Amino acid sequence: MKRNLNYQSNKSTLYLIATPIGNLEDITLRALKTLKEVSKIYAEDTRVTIKLLNHFEIKKPLISFHEHNQLMKLGNVIKDLENGLDIGLVSDAGMPLVSDPGYELVRRVLDKGYNVVSLPGANALLPALTMSGIKTHPFMFYGFLDSKTNKRNLELEELKYRKETLIFYEAIHRIKQALKSMYEVLGERNFCIAREITKSYEEIIRGNLSEYNELPELKGELVVIIEGYQEKLEKSDLSIVEQVDYFVNTGLKKTEAMKRVAQMTGFPKNQIYTEYLNSKIEKEWLYEICMFIIRRLRRHGGFSNCRLTKKSRHWSWFSISL
């Protein structure tokens, strides 16, 4: 266990600085003060960040740090910290590391024993959630789904039975395909799209997933809010074992079926595994006992036509026909 008092330590510090997502007035006073005090600023896109710095008359060395060069730049940041410099990290807009590069850098800085301080500020997901009209708590932020349909559908399958409100970021050119996948995998649910948050063209679109094809052509940055799973009543009369068998019969492997039932019911997966395994063992024992009785009857009497009749796929019931 390691403990670190960020504001009582003389170590060099990496500051994660939230920047406006549209309206420049959303920057905090503390963010401006920190941008002026750090020795260098690493930015996801220097062309975007320079506009922010120029607007507030901040002149600092500006260095690119994005997903394609971050591994090469890690050593440079560590060297700066070793030289006693405080460093700022910003993304194009919003909070660094949230669907933006920076995680590996933070891990490396922490491993080296330097401070990491995150400054709260503007972000897209929370304003979108609170404006959506969809339940705000609990919620789960997922970020970007995969761009390929098959992989995107598999990701949504994993989320299908999550009861939390789901929050996604999505590219403008994929939004219809993403909503279509959500409808096909998640079923009918309420959704909300928050577009161009804090900008003059801010727009909120609400509807049902089945209306995905009616979505007009959109521009700008999008946040998608999806209603969480609402437990259905149609399977409420099925036992845990029957629910697992139901999904196995649809083609899922037993481990996948157990995971699905765990998501639906909220029961721990190991509890479902134990119950399912015990049930199968019990049925196999019942089958073996019945077979033993039949063999004994055939051996000692006039029950030559005695036979075992399977009444269900899983040997749930047995009968002896004489």
Protein backbone atom coordinates (compact mmCIF):
# COMPACT_ATOMS: atom_id res chain seq x y z
CA MET A 1 0.00 0.00 0.00
CA LYS A 2 1.25 3.46 -0.90
CA ARG A 3 0.00 6.79 0.40
CA ASN A 4 0.75 10.21 -1.07
CA LEU A 5 -0.32 13.67 0.06
CA ASN A 6 -0.37 15.51 -3.27
CA TYR A 7 -0.55 19.01 -1.81
CA GLN A 8 1.94 18.44 1.00
CA SER A 9 4.64 16.89 -1.16
CA ASN A 10 7.55 18.69 -2.77
CA LYS A 11 7.70 16.17 -5.62
CA SER A 12 7.15 17.20 -9.22
CA THR A 13 3.54 16.94 -10.35
CA LEU A 14 1.68 15.89 -13.46
CA TYR A 15 -1.54 17.93 -13.65
CA LEU A 16 -4.52 16.53 -15.59
CA ILE A 17 -6.35 19.67 -16.64
CA ALA A 18 -9.95 19.63 -17.86
CA THR A 19 -10.59 22.07 -20.70
CA PRO A 20 -13.89 23.41 -22.15
CA ILE A 21 -15.85 21.13 -24.49
CA GLY A 22 -17.25 24.08 -26.43
CA ASN A 23 -17.87 27.25 -24.48
CA LEU A 24 -14.54 28.74 -23.39
CA GLU A 25 -16.20 30.31 -20.35
CA ASP A 26 -16.51 26.82 -18.84
CA ILE A 27 -12.82 26.72 -17.95
CA THR A 28 -12.19 26.99 -14.22
CA LEU A 29 -10.10 29.64 -12.52
CA ARG A 30 -7.90 26.89 -11.11
CA ALA A 31 -7.33 25.42 -14.57
CA LEU A 32 -6.19 28.81 -15.86
CA LYS A 33 -3.88 29.31 -12.86
CA THR A 34 -2.35 25.85 -13.33
CA LEU A 35 -1.84 26.30 -17.07
CA LYS A 36 0.07 29.48 -16.30
CA GLU A 37 2.21 27.84 -13.60
CA VAL A 38 3.29 24.54 -15.18
CA SER A 39 6.56 24.45 -17.10
CA LYS A 40 5.26 22.56 -20.13
CA ILE A 41 1.88 21.52 -21.53
CA TYR A 42 1.41 18.21 -23.33
CA ALA A 43 -1.69 18.31 -25.54
CA GLU A 44 -3.64 15.79 -27.62
CA ASP A 45 -3.84 18.28 -30.50
CA THR A 46 -1.61 21.33 -30.24
CA ARG A 47 -3.65 23.11 -32.95
CA VAL A 48 -6.72 22.99 -30.72
CA THR A 49 -4.98 23.80 -27.46
CA ILE A 50 -3.08 26.80 -28.87
CA LYS A 51 -6.42 28.51 -29.54
CA LEU A 52 -7.35 28.07 -25.88
CA LEU A 53 -3.98 29.34 -24.67
CA ASN A 54 -4.05 32.34 -27.02
CA HIS A 55 -7.58 33.24 -25.90
CA PHE A 56 -6.41 33.46 -22.29
CA GLU A 57 -2.98 34.90 -23.20
CA ILE A 58 -1.03 31.93 -21.84
CA LYS A 59 2.39 31.33 -23.35
CA LYS A 60 3.93 27.95 -22.52
CA PRO A 61 5.88 25.28 -24.44
CA LEU A 62 3.23 23.11 -26.13
CA ILE A 63 4.07 19.49 -27.04
CA SER A 64 1.87 16.94 -28.83
CA PHE A 65 0.81 13.85 -26.90
CA HIS A 66 -1.72 11.64 -28.70
CA GLU A 67 -2.55 7.95 -29.14
CA HIS A 68 -0.01 7.48 -31.93
CA ASN A 69 3.02 9.00 -30.19
CA GLN A 70 2.24 8.62 -26.48
CA LEU A 71 4.58 5.64 -25.95
CA MET A 72 7.45 7.62 -27.45
CA LYS A 73 6.67 10.68 -25.31
CA LEU A 74 6.42 8.86 -21.96
CA GLY A 75 10.16 9.06 -21.41
CA ASN A 76 10.17 12.79 -22.14
CA VAL A 77 7.51 13.49 -19.50
CA ILE A 78 9.33 11.38 -16.91
CA LYS A 79 12.59 13.21 -17.68
CA ASP A 80 10.82 16.56 -17.22
CA LEU A 81 9.52 15.45 -13.83
CA GLU A 82 12.98 14.18 -12.85
CA ASN A 83 14.33 17.64 -13.68
CA GLY A 84 11.92 19.17 -11.17
CA LEU A 85 9.35 20.49 -13.66
CA ASP A 86 5.60 20.48 -13.15
CA ILE A 87 3.77 19.29 -16.27
CA GLY A 88 0.24 19.83 -17.56
CA LEU A 89 -1.69 17.32 -19.70
CA VAL A 90 -4.79 18.34 -21.66
CA SER A 91 -6.96 16.63 -24.25
CA ASP A 92 -8.78 18.33 -27.13
CA ALA A 93 -11.72 19.04 -24.85
CA GLY A 94 -13.01 17.81 -21.51
CA MET A 95 -11.24 15.56 -19.04
CA PRO A 96 -7.92 13.92 -20.04
CA LEU A 97 -7.89 10.08 -20.08
CA VAL A 98 -11.70 9.82 -20.55
CA SER A 99 -11.76 8.17 -24.00
CA ASP A 100 -8.48 10.01 -24.58
CA PRO A 101 -4.81 9.02 -24.22
CA GLY A 102 -2.97 9.32 -20.92
CA TYR A 103 -3.57 6.18 -18.86
CA GLU A 104 -0.13 4.68 -19.51
CA LEU A 105 1.48 8.01 -18.68
CA VAL A 106 -0.33 8.27 -15.35
CA ARG A 107 0.65 4.71 -14.43
CA ARG A 108 4.30 5.39 -15.27
CA VAL A 109 4.35 8.67 -13.32
CA LEU A 110 2.80 7.01 -10.27
CA ASP A 111 5.24 4.09 -10.48
CA LYS A 112 8.10 6.59 -10.47
CA GLY A 113 6.73 8.15 -7.28
CA TYR A 114 5.72 11.56 -8.62
CA ASN A 115 2.42 13.34 -7.93
CA VAL A 116 -0.60 13.09 -10.21
CA VAL A 117 -3.26 15.75 -9.60
CA SER A 118 -6.54 15.83 -11.54
CA LEU A 119 -8.37 19.15 -11.82
CA PRO A 120 -12.16 18.83 -12.07
CA GLY A 121 -13.89 20.62 -14.87
CA ALA A 122 -15.90 20.40 -18.05
CA ASN A 123 -16.88 17.03 -19.49
CA ALA A 124 -19.53 15.82 -21.92
CA LEU A 125 -20.99 12.75 -20.24
CA LEU A 126 -22.43 14.33 -17.07
CA PRO A 127 -24.29 17.24 -18.73
CA ALA A 128 -25.69 14.77 -21.29
CA LEU A 129 -26.87 12.41 -18.56
CA THR A 130 -28.54 15.09 -16.46
CA MET A 131 -30.34 16.59 -19.49
CA SER A 132 -31.45 13.22 -20.89
CA GLY A 133 -34.60 12.64 -18.85
CA ILE A 134 -33.34 9.08 -18.25
CA LYS A 135 -32.57 7.76 -14.77
CA THR A 136 -29.31 9.33 -13.61
CA HIS A 137 -28.27 6.84 -10.95
CA PRO A 138 -26.73 4.38 -11.17
CA PHE A 139 -25.05 4.87 -14.53
CA MET A 140 -22.23 3.22 -16.44
CA PHE A 141 -19.94 5.13 -18.80
CA TYR A 142 -18.64 2.88 -21.59
CA GLY A 143 -17.10 5.31 -24.07
CA PHE A 144 -16.78 4.33 -27.72
CA LEU A 145 -18.17 1.04 -29.01
CA ASP A 146 -16.16 -0.86 -31.61
CA SER A 147 -16.53 0.45 -35.15
CA LYS A 148 -17.08 -3.04 -36.60
CA THR A 149 -20.65 -4.34 -36.40
CA ASN A 150 -19.84 -7.85 -35.19
CA LYS A 151 -17.55 -6.66 -32.42
CA ARG A 152 -19.96 -3.86 -31.49
CA ASN A 153 -22.79 -6.38 -31.15
CA LEU A 154 -20.65 -8.59 -28.91
CA GLU A 155 -19.89 -5.60 -26.68
CA LEU A 156 -23.60 -4.79 -26.46
CA GLU A 157 -24.38 -8.42 -25.60
CA GLU A 158 -22.11 -8.02 -22.58
CA LEU A 159 -24.06 -4.90 -21.57
CA LYS A 160 -27.55 -6.19 -22.36
CA TYR A 161 -28.57 -7.05 -18.81
CA ARG A 162 -26.87 -4.16 -17.05
CA LYS A 163 -29.50 -2.26 -15.07
CA GLU A 164 -27.47 0.95 -15.00
CA THR A 165 -28.16 3.74 -17.46
CA LEU A 166 -25.56 3.31 -20.23
CA ILE A 167 -23.51 6.23 -21.59
CA PHE A 168 -21.59 6.07 -24.86
CA TYR A 169 -19.59 8.38 -27.07
CA GLU A 170 -20.17 7.81 -30.78
CA ALA A 171 -18.76 9.12 -34.04
CA ILE A 172 -21.17 11.13 -36.15
CA HIS A 173 -20.83 8.87 -39.21
CA ARG A 174 -21.64 5.71 -37.21
CA ILE A 175 -24.56 6.89 -35.10
CA LYS A 176 -27.34 5.23 -37.13
CA GLN A 177 -25.49 1.93 -37.33
CA ALA A 178 -24.79 2.10 -33.59
CA LEU A 179 -28.44 2.77 -32.73
CA LYS A 180 -29.49 -0.07 -35.04
CA SER A 181 -27.13 -2.46 -33.22
CA MET A 182 -28.47 -1.25 -29.88
CA TYR A 183 -32.05 -1.90 -30.98
CA GLU A 184 -31.24 -5.36 -32.37
CA VAL A 185 -29.24 -6.44 -29.30
CA LEU A 186 -30.74 -4.50 -26.39
CA GLY A 187 -34.34 -4.38 -27.63
CA GLU A 188 -36.72 -1.45 -27.34
CA ARG A 189 -35.47 1.18 -24.91
CA ASN A 190 -35.58 4.93 -24.40
CA PHE A 191 -32.53 6.78 -25.66
CA CYS A 192 -31.19 10.30 -25.75
CA ILE A 193 -28.55 11.91 -27.95
CA ALA A 194 -26.91 15.07 -26.66
CA ARG A 195 -25.21 16.94 -29.51
CA GLU A 196 -22.72 19.82 -29.40
CA ILE A 197 -23.02 20.28 -25.64
CA THR A 198 -22.37 23.90 -24.43
CA LYS A 199 -22.10 25.14 -28.04
CA SER A 200 -24.59 27.39 -29.80
CA TYR A 201 -26.01 24.42 -31.77
CA GLU A 202 -26.59 22.28 -28.66
CA GLU A 203 -29.44 19.82 -29.31
CA ILE A 204 -31.13 17.05 -27.33
CA ILE A 205 -32.83 14.21 -29.23
CA ARG A 206 -35.01 11.75 -27.35
CA GLY A 207 -36.89 8.71 -28.57
CA ASN A 208 -37.10 4.92 -28.72
CA LEU A 209 -34.39 2.77 -30.25
CA SER A 210 -36.85 1.41 -32.81
CA GLU A 211 -36.88 4.90 -34.33
CA TYR A 212 -33.17 4.75 -35.24
CA ASN A 213 -33.87 4.99 -38.97
CA GLU A 214 -35.74 8.28 -38.50
CA LEU A 215 -32.64 10.02 -37.15
CA PRO A 216 -31.74 13.00 -39.36
CA GLU A 217 -28.22 13.73 -40.56
CA LEU A 218 -26.26 15.21 -37.68
CA LYS A 219 -23.04 17.12 -37.19
CA GLY A 220 -20.78 17.61 -34.23
CA GLU A 221 -19.90 15.68 -31.07
CA LEU A 222 -22.40 13.16 -29.70
CA VAL A 223 -23.14 11.55 -26.35
CA VAL A 224 -25.65 8.67 -26.35
CA ILE A 225 -27.67 7.78 -23.24
CA ILE A 226 -29.50 4.43 -23.18
CA GLU A 227 -32.03 3.24 -20.61
CA GLY A 228 -30.77 0.33 -18.49
CA TYR A 229 -32.19 -3.19 -18.56
CA GLN A 230 -35.66 -3.51 -17.13
CA GLU A 231 -36.17 -7.01 -15.74
CA LYS A 232 -38.81 -8.88 -17.69
CA LEU A 233 -41.46 -11.01 -16.04
CA GLU A 234 -41.66 -13.73 -18.67
CA LYS A 235 -38.83 -15.76 -17.14
CA SER A 236 -39.67 -15.08 -13.49
CA ASP A 237 -41.21 -18.55 -13.13
CA LEU A 238 -38.02 -20.29 -14.28
CA SER A 239 -35.45 -21.59 -11.82
CA ILE A 240 -31.77 -20.69 -12.10
CA VAL A 241 -31.05 -24.09 -13.67
CA GLU A 242 -33.89 -23.69 -16.17
CA GLN A 243 -32.65 -20.24 -17.17
CA VAL A 244 -29.14 -21.57 -17.78
CA ASP A 245 -30.58 -24.46 -19.81
CA TYR A 246 -32.68 -21.98 -21.79
CA PHE A 247 -29.60 -20.07 -22.95
CA VAL A 248 -27.64 -23.29 -23.56
CA ASN A 249 -30.44 -24.40 -25.88
CA THR A 250 -30.12 -21.12 -27.80
CA GLY A 251 -26.51 -22.03 -28.62
CA LEU A 252 -24.49 -20.45 -25.79
CA LYS A 253 -21.78 -22.41 -24.02
CA LYS A 254 -22.60 -23.31 -20.41
CA THR A 255 -20.12 -20.77 -19.01
CA GLU A 256 -21.58 -18.03 -21.22
CA ALA A 257 -25.13 -19.04 -20.24
CA MET A 258 -24.23 -18.86 -16.55
CA LYS A 259 -22.68 -15.42 -17.04
CA ARG A 260 -25.84 -14.25 -18.83
CA VAL A 261 -28.07 -15.50 -16.00
CA ALA A 262 -25.78 -13.81 -13.48
CA GLN A 263 -26.22 -10.51 -15.33
CA MET A 264 -30.00 -10.96 -15.43
CA THR A 265 -30.57 -12.06 -11.85
CA GLY A 266 -27.78 -10.30 -9.99
CA PHE A 267 -26.73 -13.58 -8.37
CA PRO A 268 -22.97 -14.26 -8.16
CA LYS A 269 -21.69 -16.43 -10.99
CA ASN A 270 -20.13 -18.95 -8.59
CA GLN A 271 -23.49 -19.40 -6.86
CA ILE A 272 -25.16 -20.10 -10.21
CA TYR A 273 -22.39 -22.52 -11.15
CA THR A 274 -22.74 -24.42 -7.88
CA GLU A 275 -26.53 -24.63 -8.13
CA TYR A 276 -26.39 -25.70 -11.76
CA LEU A 277 -23.69 -28.32 -11.13
CA ASN A 278 -25.48 -29.76 -8.08
CA SER A 279 -28.70 -30.01 -10.06
CA LYS A 280 -27.00 -31.93 -12.86
CA ILE A 281 -25.26 -34.25 -10.40
CA GLU A 282 -28.57 -34.89 -8.63
CA LYS A 283 -30.27 -35.78 -11.92
CA GLU A 284 -27.44 -38.07 -12.97
CA TRP A 285 -27.64 -39.86 -9.61
CA LEU A 286 -31.39 -40.27 -10.01
CA TYR A 287 -30.85 -41.74 -13.45
CA GLU A 288 -28.22 -44.19 -12.17
CA ILE A 289 -30.46 -45.26 -9.27
CA CYS A 290 -33.37 -45.93 -11.62
CA MET A 291 -31.12 -47.93 -13.95
CA PHE A 292 -29.86 -49.96 -10.99
CA ILE A 293 -33.43 -50.76 -9.91
CA ILE A 294 -34.42 -51.80 -13.43
CA ARG A 295 -31.40 -54.08 -13.78
CA ARG A 296 -32.25 -55.75 -10.44
CA LEU A 297 -35.86 -56.23 -11.45
CA ARG A 298 -34.91 -57.79 -14.76
CA ARG A 299 -32.43 -60.11 -13.06
CA HIS A 300 -34.80 -61.43 -10.38
CA GLY A 301 -38.26 -61.66 -11.87
CA GLY A 302 -40.74 -61.43 -14.63
CA PHE A 303 -40.09 -57.79 -15.51
CA SER A 304 -38.39 -58.46 -18.82
CA ASN A 305 -40.20 -55.61 -20.50
CA CYS A 306 -39.28 -53.10 -17.79
CA ARG A 307 -37.66 -50.06 -19.34
CA LEU A 308 -36.63 -46.50 -18.51
CA THR A 309 -38.51 -43.73 -20.29
CA LYS A 310 -36.94 -40.28 -20.60
CA LYS A 311 -39.63 -37.66 -20.20
CA SER A 312 -37.52 -34.57 -20.69
CA ARG A 313 -34.28 -33.49 -22.31
CA HIS A 314 -32.54 -33.19 -18.95
CA TRP A 315 -33.85 -36.37 -17.27
CA SER A 316 -36.08 -34.38 -15.00
CA TRP A 317 -38.64 -37.14 -14.66
CA PHE A 318 -38.56 -40.91 -15.08
CA SER A 319 -41.17 -43.61 -15.30
CA ILE A 320 -40.95 -47.38 -15.26
CA SER A 321 -43.17 -49.09 -17.83
CA LEU A 322 -44.13 -52.67 -17.06
